[in-house]
Amino acid sequence: MNTEAMHKALAGSQAGKLTFPEVVGMLISSGVESYFADLLRGEETFYTTDGETHREQMTLPPAKIAADFSQPGVVAAIRAAQADQIRYPEFVKQVTAAGTIGYWAFLTGKKVIYFGRKGEFHVEEFPRPKS
């Protein structure tokens, strides 16, 4: 298991230096098939294709998570990140302000599921490459 690549991807993302596609590429090449970002606990757990797991603490300051889930707020943050208008530190601020307690990124399944406190969720498919 390449925990160094997982650490570099998380650290670069939290520093605002990497885009989501760059993080996905780094993680897939190191054998990660999915990861869960627990925004309540401030940690990410990586799941590899061979069934192993690795957990890392996030270094971002704890964010206040809104009580109510706002799907439009989550989608707005996703679109801003996709357009590279914001990077991960601001993305976390915006999705937690929209009530996201965590999200599961399924890299091999090409989707992310965002969760709210009451079981609400939003499923976001990875953007298709532009032709």
Protein backbone atom coordinates (compact mmCIF):
# COMPACT_ATOMS: atom_id res chain seq x y z
CA MET A 1 0.00 0.00 0.00
CA ASN A 2 1.40 3.38 -1.05
CA THR A 3 0.45 5.49 1.99
CA GLU A 4 2.95 8.17 0.94
CA ALA A 5 0.92 8.88 -2.23
CA MET A 6 -2.28 9.07 -0.15
CA HIS A 7 -0.63 11.51 2.25
CA LYS A 8 0.72 13.66 -0.61
CA ALA A 9 -2.68 13.78 -2.31
CA LEU A 10 -4.44 14.81 0.90
CA ALA A 11 -1.75 17.33 1.90
CA GLY A 12 -1.63 18.90 -1.56
CA SER A 13 -5.41 19.10 -1.71
CA GLN A 14 -5.71 20.67 1.75
CA ALA A 15 -3.00 23.19 0.84
CA GLY A 16 -5.07 24.21 -2.21
CA LYS A 17 -2.32 23.12 -4.59
CA LEU A 18 -4.10 20.23 -6.33
CA THR A 19 -7.34 20.02 -8.27
CA PHE A 20 -9.77 17.14 -7.77
CA PRO A 21 -8.75 15.47 -11.09
CA GLU A 22 -5.09 15.62 -10.00
CA VAL A 23 -5.95 14.02 -6.64
CA VAL A 24 -8.02 11.32 -8.36
CA GLY A 25 -5.12 10.50 -10.70
CA MET A 26 -2.63 10.25 -7.83
CA LEU A 27 -4.91 8.04 -5.76
CA ILE A 28 -5.96 5.69 -8.58
CA SER A 29 -2.31 5.20 -9.58
CA SER A 30 -1.54 4.19 -5.98
CA GLY A 31 -4.34 1.60 -5.90
CA VAL A 32 -7.07 3.59 -4.14
CA GLU A 33 -10.59 2.77 -5.35
CA SER A 34 -12.50 5.05 -2.95
CA TYR A 35 -12.14 7.30 0.06
CA PHE A 36 -14.45 8.66 2.71
CA ALA A 37 -13.97 12.23 3.93
CA ASP A 38 -15.49 12.46 7.41
CA LEU A 39 -15.89 16.21 7.87
CA LEU A 40 -17.27 15.76 11.41
CA ARG A 41 -14.19 13.90 12.61
CA GLY A 42 -11.71 15.66 10.31
CA GLU A 43 -10.26 12.55 8.75
CA GLU A 44 -10.12 10.67 5.48
CA THR A 45 -10.12 6.91 5.09
CA PHE A 46 -8.71 5.45 1.89
CA TYR A 47 -9.84 2.06 0.56
CA THR A 48 -7.58 0.19 -1.84
CA THR A 49 -8.38 -2.32 -4.57
CA ASP A 50 -6.73 -5.08 -2.51
CA GLY A 51 -9.02 -4.50 0.49
CA GLU A 52 -6.67 -2.49 2.69
CA THR A 53 -7.52 0.79 4.39
CA HIS A 54 -5.49 3.79 5.51
CA ARG A 55 -6.70 6.74 7.59
CA GLU A 56 -5.24 10.25 7.68
CA GLN A 57 -6.17 13.23 9.85
CA MET A 58 -7.16 16.33 7.95
CA THR A 59 -5.16 19.46 8.73
CA LEU A 60 -7.87 21.95 7.81
CA PRO A 61 -9.39 23.80 10.76
CA PRO A 62 -12.68 22.24 11.89
CA ALA A 63 -15.61 23.71 9.99
CA LYS A 64 -19.01 24.45 11.48
CA ILE A 65 -21.47 22.17 9.76
CA ALA A 66 -24.93 23.57 9.10
CA ALA A 67 -27.85 21.66 10.59
CA ASP A 68 -29.79 21.62 7.32
CA PHE A 69 -28.59 20.07 4.09
CA SER A 70 -28.73 22.35 1.05
CA GLN A 71 -28.38 20.38 -2.16
CA PRO A 72 -28.16 23.64 -4.20
CA GLY A 73 -25.35 24.79 -1.89
CA VAL A 74 -23.46 21.53 -2.34
CA VAL A 75 -23.90 21.65 -6.12
CA ALA A 76 -22.72 25.29 -6.24
CA ALA A 77 -19.52 24.33 -4.38
CA ILE A 78 -18.97 21.37 -6.70
CA ARG A 79 -19.42 23.51 -9.83
CA ALA A 80 -17.02 26.16 -8.48
CA ALA A 81 -14.40 23.48 -7.80
CA GLN A 82 -14.93 21.91 -11.23
CA ALA A 83 -14.34 25.33 -12.81
CA ASP A 84 -11.20 25.73 -10.63
CA GLN A 85 -12.73 28.87 -9.10
CA ILE A 86 -12.14 27.42 -5.63
CA ARG A 87 -9.79 24.79 -4.24
CA TYR A 88 -10.27 22.28 -1.46
CA PRO A 89 -10.03 24.53 1.63
CA GLU A 90 -12.81 26.79 0.31
CA PHE A 91 -14.72 23.80 -1.02
CA VAL A 92 -14.86 22.29 2.47
CA LYS A 93 -16.08 25.60 3.92
CA GLN A 94 -18.85 25.78 1.34
CA VAL A 95 -20.07 22.18 1.54
CA THR A 96 -20.08 22.21 5.35
CA ALA A 97 -22.01 25.51 5.27
CA ALA A 98 -24.43 23.57 3.04
CA GLY A 99 -24.79 20.86 5.71
CA THR A 100 -22.41 18.17 4.42
CA ILE A 101 -21.07 15.96 7.21
CA GLY A 102 -19.03 13.80 4.87
CA TYR A 103 -18.71 12.41 1.40
CA TRP A 104 -17.63 9.18 -0.21
CA ALA A 105 -15.63 9.46 -3.42
CA PHE A 106 -15.89 6.29 -5.52
CA LEU A 107 -12.94 6.79 -7.86
CA THR A 108 -13.40 3.62 -9.88
CA GLY A 109 -17.18 4.19 -9.97
CA LYS A 110 -16.66 7.83 -10.99
CA LYS A 111 -19.07 9.39 -8.52
CA VAL A 112 -19.14 11.15 -5.16
CA ILE A 113 -21.99 10.94 -2.65
CA TYR A 114 -22.38 13.85 -0.20
CA PHE A 115 -24.26 13.22 3.07
CA GLY A 116 -26.23 15.47 5.42
CA ARG A 117 -27.02 15.03 9.13
CA LYS A 118 -30.48 13.56 8.55
CA GLY A 119 -29.62 11.10 5.79
CA GLU A 120 -29.99 13.55 2.94
CA PHE A 121 -27.59 13.00 0.09
CA HIS A 122 -26.49 14.25 -3.30
CA VAL A 123 -24.88 12.00 -5.91
CA GLU A 124 -22.46 13.71 -8.27
CA GLU A 125 -21.16 11.82 -11.31
CA PHE A 126 -17.65 12.73 -12.48
CA PRO A 127 -17.76 15.17 -15.39
CA ARG A 128 -17.38 13.56 -18.78
CA PRO A 129 -14.28 14.56 -20.73
CA LYS A 130 -14.91 17.35 -23.20
CA SER A 131 -14.57 16.23 -26.81
